[in-house]
Amino acid sequence: MIVMGTHGRSALPHLLLGSVAENVVRHAPCPVFTVRPDQHEFIMP
C-alpha cells in the first residue's frame, strides 16, 4: 500500500489529486491511499 498526501491546487483535471498523485494512483501495482491536507477524519471510500 502507498500512502501519499495531495495538495489539490491544480486546474480542473487535477482538482482532487496533483499530477504526481494521479500518476501514482493510475500506475501503482498496489492500493494507493491519498490524503488531502484539509481532511481531518477518515472516510471509507
PDB file of N, CA and C in Angstrom:
ATOM      1  N   MET A   1       0.838  -1.176   0.000  1.00  0.00           N
ATOM      2  CA  MET A   1       0.000   0.000   0.000  1.00  0.00           C
ATOM      3  C   MET A   1       0.886   1.244   0.000  1.00  0.00           C
ATOM      4  N   ILE A   2       0.474   2.228  -0.795  1.00  0.00           N
ATOM      5  CA  ILE A   2       1.151   3.523  -0.841  1.00  0.00           C
ATOM      6  C   ILE A   2       0.220   4.547  -0.202  1.00  0.00           C
ATOM      7  N   VAL A   3       0.752   5.329   0.735  1.00  0.00           N
ATOM      8  CA  VAL A   3       0.001   6.431   1.345  1.00  0.00           C
ATOM      9  C   VAL A   3       0.724   7.716   0.982  1.00  0.00           C
ATOM     10  N   MET A   4      -0.003   8.652   0.381  1.00  0.00           N
ATOM     11  CA  MET A   4       0.645   9.904  -0.014  1.00  0.00           C
ATOM     12  C   MET A   4      -0.302  11.076   0.130  1.00  0.00           C
ATOM     13  N   GLY A   5       0.272  12.230   0.416  1.00  0.00           N
ATOM     14  CA  GLY A   5      -0.507  13.451   0.528  1.00  0.00           C
ATOM     15  C   GLY A   5      -0.697  14.094  -0.828  1.00  0.00           C
ATOM     16  N   THR A   6      -1.780  14.842  -0.965  1.00  0.00           N
ATOM     17  CA  THR A   6      -2.050  15.594  -2.184  1.00  0.00           C
ATOM     18  C   THR A   6      -2.329  17.038  -1.800  1.00  0.00           C
ATOM     19  N   HIS A   7      -2.208  17.936  -2.765  1.00  0.00           N
ATOM     20  CA  HIS A   7      -2.489  19.337  -2.472  1.00  0.00           C
ATOM     21  C   HIS A   7      -3.742  19.830  -3.161  1.00  0.00           C
ATOM     22  N   GLY A   8      -4.132  19.241  -4.289  1.00  0.00           N
ATOM     23  CA  GLY A   8      -5.357  19.621  -4.973  1.00  0.00           C
ATOM     24  C   GLY A   8      -5.406  21.068  -5.429  1.00  0.00           C
ATOM     25  N   ARG A   9      -4.264  21.656  -5.772  1.00  0.00           N
ATOM     26  CA  ARG A   9      -4.232  23.064  -6.173  1.00  0.00           C
ATOM     27  C   ARG A   9      -4.332  23.272  -7.674  1.00  0.00           C
ATOM     28  N   SER A  10      -4.263  22.247  -8.467  1.00  0.00           N
ATOM     29  CA  SER A  10      -4.225  22.384  -9.925  1.00  0.00           C
ATOM     30  C   SER A  10      -5.608  22.682 -10.499  1.00  0.00           C
ATOM     31  N   ALA A  11      -5.659  22.878 -11.799  1.00  0.00           N
ATOM     32  CA  ALA A  11      -6.906  23.166 -12.506  1.00  0.00           C
ATOM     33  C   ALA A  11      -7.819  21.944 -12.543  1.00  0.00           C
ATOM     34  N   LEU A  12      -8.905  22.038 -13.277  1.00  0.00           N
ATOM     35  CA  LEU A  12      -9.943  21.013 -13.281  1.00  0.00           C
ATOM     36  C   LEU A  12      -9.473  19.571 -13.440  1.00  0.00           C
ATOM     37  N   PRO A  13      -8.599  19.233 -14.373  1.00  0.00           N
ATOM     38  CA  PRO A  13      -8.218  17.821 -14.499  1.00  0.00           C
ATOM     39  C   PRO A  13      -7.565  17.250 -13.246  1.00  0.00           C
ATOM     40  N   HIS A  14      -6.965  18.112 -12.458  1.00  0.00           N
ATOM     41  CA  HIS A  14      -6.268  17.650 -11.260  1.00  0.00           C
ATOM     42  C   HIS A  14      -6.892  18.264 -10.011  1.00  0.00           C
ATOM     43  N   LEU A  15      -8.204  18.447 -10.033  1.00  0.00           N
ATOM     44  CA  LEU A  15      -8.897  19.136  -8.942  1.00  0.00           C
ATOM     45  C   LEU A  15      -8.717  18.429  -7.609  1.00  0.00           C
ATOM     46  N   LEU A  16      -8.808  17.115  -7.596  1.00  0.00           N
ATOM     47  CA  LEU A  16      -8.692  16.382  -6.338  1.00  0.00           C
ATOM     48  C   LEU A  16      -7.300  15.852  -6.083  1.00  0.00           C
ATOM     49  N   LEU A  17      -6.580  15.520  -7.142  1.00  0.00           N
ATOM     50  CA  LEU A  17      -5.244  14.950  -6.997  1.00  0.00           C
ATOM     51  C   LEU A  17      -4.247  15.789  -7.773  1.00  0.00           C
ATOM     52  N   GLY A  18      -3.060  15.923  -7.252  1.00  0.00           N
ATOM     53  CA  GLY A  18      -1.989  16.563  -8.008  1.00  0.00           C
ATOM     54  C   GLY A  18      -1.547  15.639  -9.126  1.00  0.00           C
ATOM     55  N   SER A  19      -0.790  16.143 -10.067  1.00  0.00           N
ATOM     56  CA  SER A  19      -0.394  15.329 -11.214  1.00  0.00           C
ATOM     57  C   SER A  19       0.466  14.139 -10.805  1.00  0.00           C
ATOM     58  N   VAL A  20       1.331  14.298  -9.806  1.00  0.00           N
ATOM     59  CA  VAL A  20       2.155  13.171  -9.349  1.00  0.00           C
ATOM     60  C   VAL A  20       1.273  12.127  -8.677  1.00  0.00           C
ATOM     61  N   ALA A  21       0.387  12.566  -7.792  1.00  0.00           N
ATOM     62  CA  ALA A  21      -0.506  11.629  -7.108  1.00  0.00           C
ATOM     63  C   ALA A  21      -1.400  10.900  -8.107  1.00  0.00           C
ATOM     64  N   GLU A  22      -1.911  11.624  -9.078  1.00  0.00           N
ATOM     65  CA  GLU A  22      -2.761  11.000 -10.092  1.00  0.00           C
ATOM     66  C   GLU A  22      -1.997   9.929 -10.858  1.00  0.00           C
ATOM     67  N   ASN A  23      -0.765  10.215 -11.215  1.00  0.00           N
ATOM     68  CA  ASN A  23       0.059   9.253 -11.934  1.00  0.00           C
ATOM     69  C   ASN A  23       0.316   8.006 -11.084  1.00  0.00           C
ATOM     70  N   VAL A  24       0.595   8.199  -9.810  1.00  0.00           N
ATOM     71  CA  VAL A  24       0.823   7.053  -8.918  1.00  0.00           C
ATOM     72  C   VAL A  24      -0.446   6.217  -8.805  1.00  0.00           C
ATOM     73  N   VAL A  25      -1.600   6.869  -8.598  1.00  0.00           N
ATOM     74  CA  VAL A  25      -2.869   6.141  -8.481  1.00  0.00           C
ATOM     75  C   VAL A  25      -3.141   5.323  -9.738  1.00  0.00           C
ATOM     76  N   ARG A  26      -2.873   5.892 -10.893  1.00  0.00           N
ATOM     77  CA  ARG A  26      -3.158   5.197 -12.155  1.00  0.00           C
ATOM     78  C   ARG A  26      -2.207   4.032 -12.437  1.00  0.00           C
ATOM     79  N   HIS A  27      -0.962   4.128 -11.972  1.00  0.00           N
ATOM     80  CA  HIS A  27       0.038   3.149 -12.393  1.00  0.00           C
ATOM     81  C   HIS A  27       0.611   2.271 -11.283  1.00  0.00           C
ATOM     82  N   ALA A  28       0.240   2.500 -10.057  1.00  0.00           N
ATOM     83  CA  ALA A  28       0.801   1.714  -8.954  1.00  0.00           C
ATOM     84  C   ALA A  28       0.307   0.269  -9.014  1.00  0.00           C
ATOM     85  N   PRO A  29       1.186  -0.675  -8.707  1.00  0.00           N
ATOM     86  CA  PRO A  29       0.806  -2.086  -8.718  1.00  0.00           C
ATOM     87  C   PRO A  29       0.131  -2.516  -7.413  1.00  0.00           C
ATOM     88  N   CYS A  30      -0.170  -1.553  -6.538  1.00  0.00           N
ATOM     89  CA  CYS A  30      -0.775  -1.864  -5.243  1.00  0.00           C
ATOM     90  C   CYS A  30      -1.783  -0.765  -4.902  1.00  0.00           C
ATOM     91  N   PRO A  31      -2.571  -0.958  -3.839  1.00  0.00           N
ATOM     92  CA  PRO A  31      -3.529   0.082  -3.443  1.00  0.00           C
ATOM     93  C   PRO A  31      -2.828   1.388  -3.079  1.00  0.00           C
ATOM     94  N   VAL A  32      -3.492   2.515  -3.371  1.00  0.00           N
ATOM     95  CA  VAL A  32      -2.954   3.838  -3.052  1.00  0.00           C
ATOM     96  C   VAL A  32      -4.000   4.594  -2.235  1.00  0.00           C
ATOM     97  N   PHE A  33      -3.571   5.133  -1.101  1.00  0.00           N
ATOM     98  CA  PHE A  33      -4.436   5.921  -0.225  1.00  0.00           C
ATOM     99  C   PHE A  33      -3.939   7.350  -0.267  1.00  0.00           C
ATOM    100  N   THR A  34      -4.763   8.279  -0.760  1.00  0.00           N
ATOM    101  CA  THR A  34      -4.351   9.677  -0.839  1.00  0.00           C
ATOM    102  C   THR A  34      -5.057  10.477   0.244  1.00  0.00           C
ATOM    103  N   VAL A  35      -4.331  11.439   0.808  1.00  0.00           N
ATOM    104  CA  VAL A  35      -4.857  12.253   1.900  1.00  0.00           C
ATOM    105  C   VAL A  35      -4.670  13.718   1.552  1.00  0.00           C
ATOM    106  N   ARG A  36      -5.745  14.475   1.615  1.00  0.00           N
ATOM    107  CA  ARG A  36      -5.660  15.926   1.409  1.00  0.00           C
ATOM    108  C   ARG A  36      -5.328  16.591   2.735  1.00  0.00           C
ATOM    109  N   PRO A  37      -4.615  17.711   2.717  1.00  0.00           N
ATOM    110  CA  PRO A  37      -4.224  18.379   3.962  1.00  0.00           C
ATOM    111  C   PRO A  37      -5.407  18.815   4.813  1.00  0.00           C
ATOM    112  N   ASP A  38      -6.540  19.143   4.196  1.00  0.00           N
ATOM    113  CA  ASP A  38      -7.700  19.605   4.951  1.00  0.00           C
ATOM    114  C   ASP A  38      -8.619  18.474   5.388  1.00  0.00           C
ATOM    115  N   GLN A  39      -8.230  17.237   5.160  1.00  0.00           N
ATOM    116  CA  GLN A  39      -9.039  16.084   5.535  1.00  0.00           C
ATOM    117  C   GLN A  39      -8.599  15.619   6.916  1.00  0.00           C
ATOM    118  N   HIS A  40      -9.458  15.825   7.915  1.00  0.00           N
ATOM    119  CA  HIS A  40      -9.088  15.520   9.291  1.00  0.00           C
ATOM    120  C   HIS A  40      -9.668  14.213   9.798  1.00  0.00           C
ATOM    121  N   GLU A  41     -10.591  13.631   9.088  1.00  0.00           N
ATOM    122  CA  GLU A  41     -11.171  12.383   9.540  1.00  0.00           C
ATOM    123  C   GLU A  41     -11.102  11.355   8.423  1.00  0.00           C
ATOM    124  N   PHE A  42     -11.071  10.091   8.800  1.00  0.00           N
ATOM    125  CA  PHE A  42     -11.001   9.012   7.825  1.00  0.00           C
ATOM    126  C   PHE A  42     -12.387   8.772   7.251  1.00  0.00           C
ATOM    127  N   ILE A  43     -12.483   8.693   5.927  1.00  0.00           N
ATOM    128  CA  ILE A  43     -13.734   8.383   5.245  1.00  0.00           C
ATOM    129  C   ILE A  43     -13.485   7.174   4.366  1.00  0.00           C
ATOM    130  N   MET A  44     -14.205   6.093   4.624  1.00  0.00           N
ATOM    131  CA  MET A  44     -14.039   4.866   3.856  1.00  0.00           C
ATOM    132  C   MET A  44     -14.522   5.097   2.430  1.00  0.00           C
ATOM    133  N   PRO A  45     -13.670   4.824   1.424  1.00  0.00           N
ATOM    134  CA  PRO A  45     -14.086   5.031   0.024  1.00  0.00           C
ATOM    135  C   PRO A  45     -15.145   4.045  -0.412  1.00  0.00           C
TER     136      PRO A  45
END
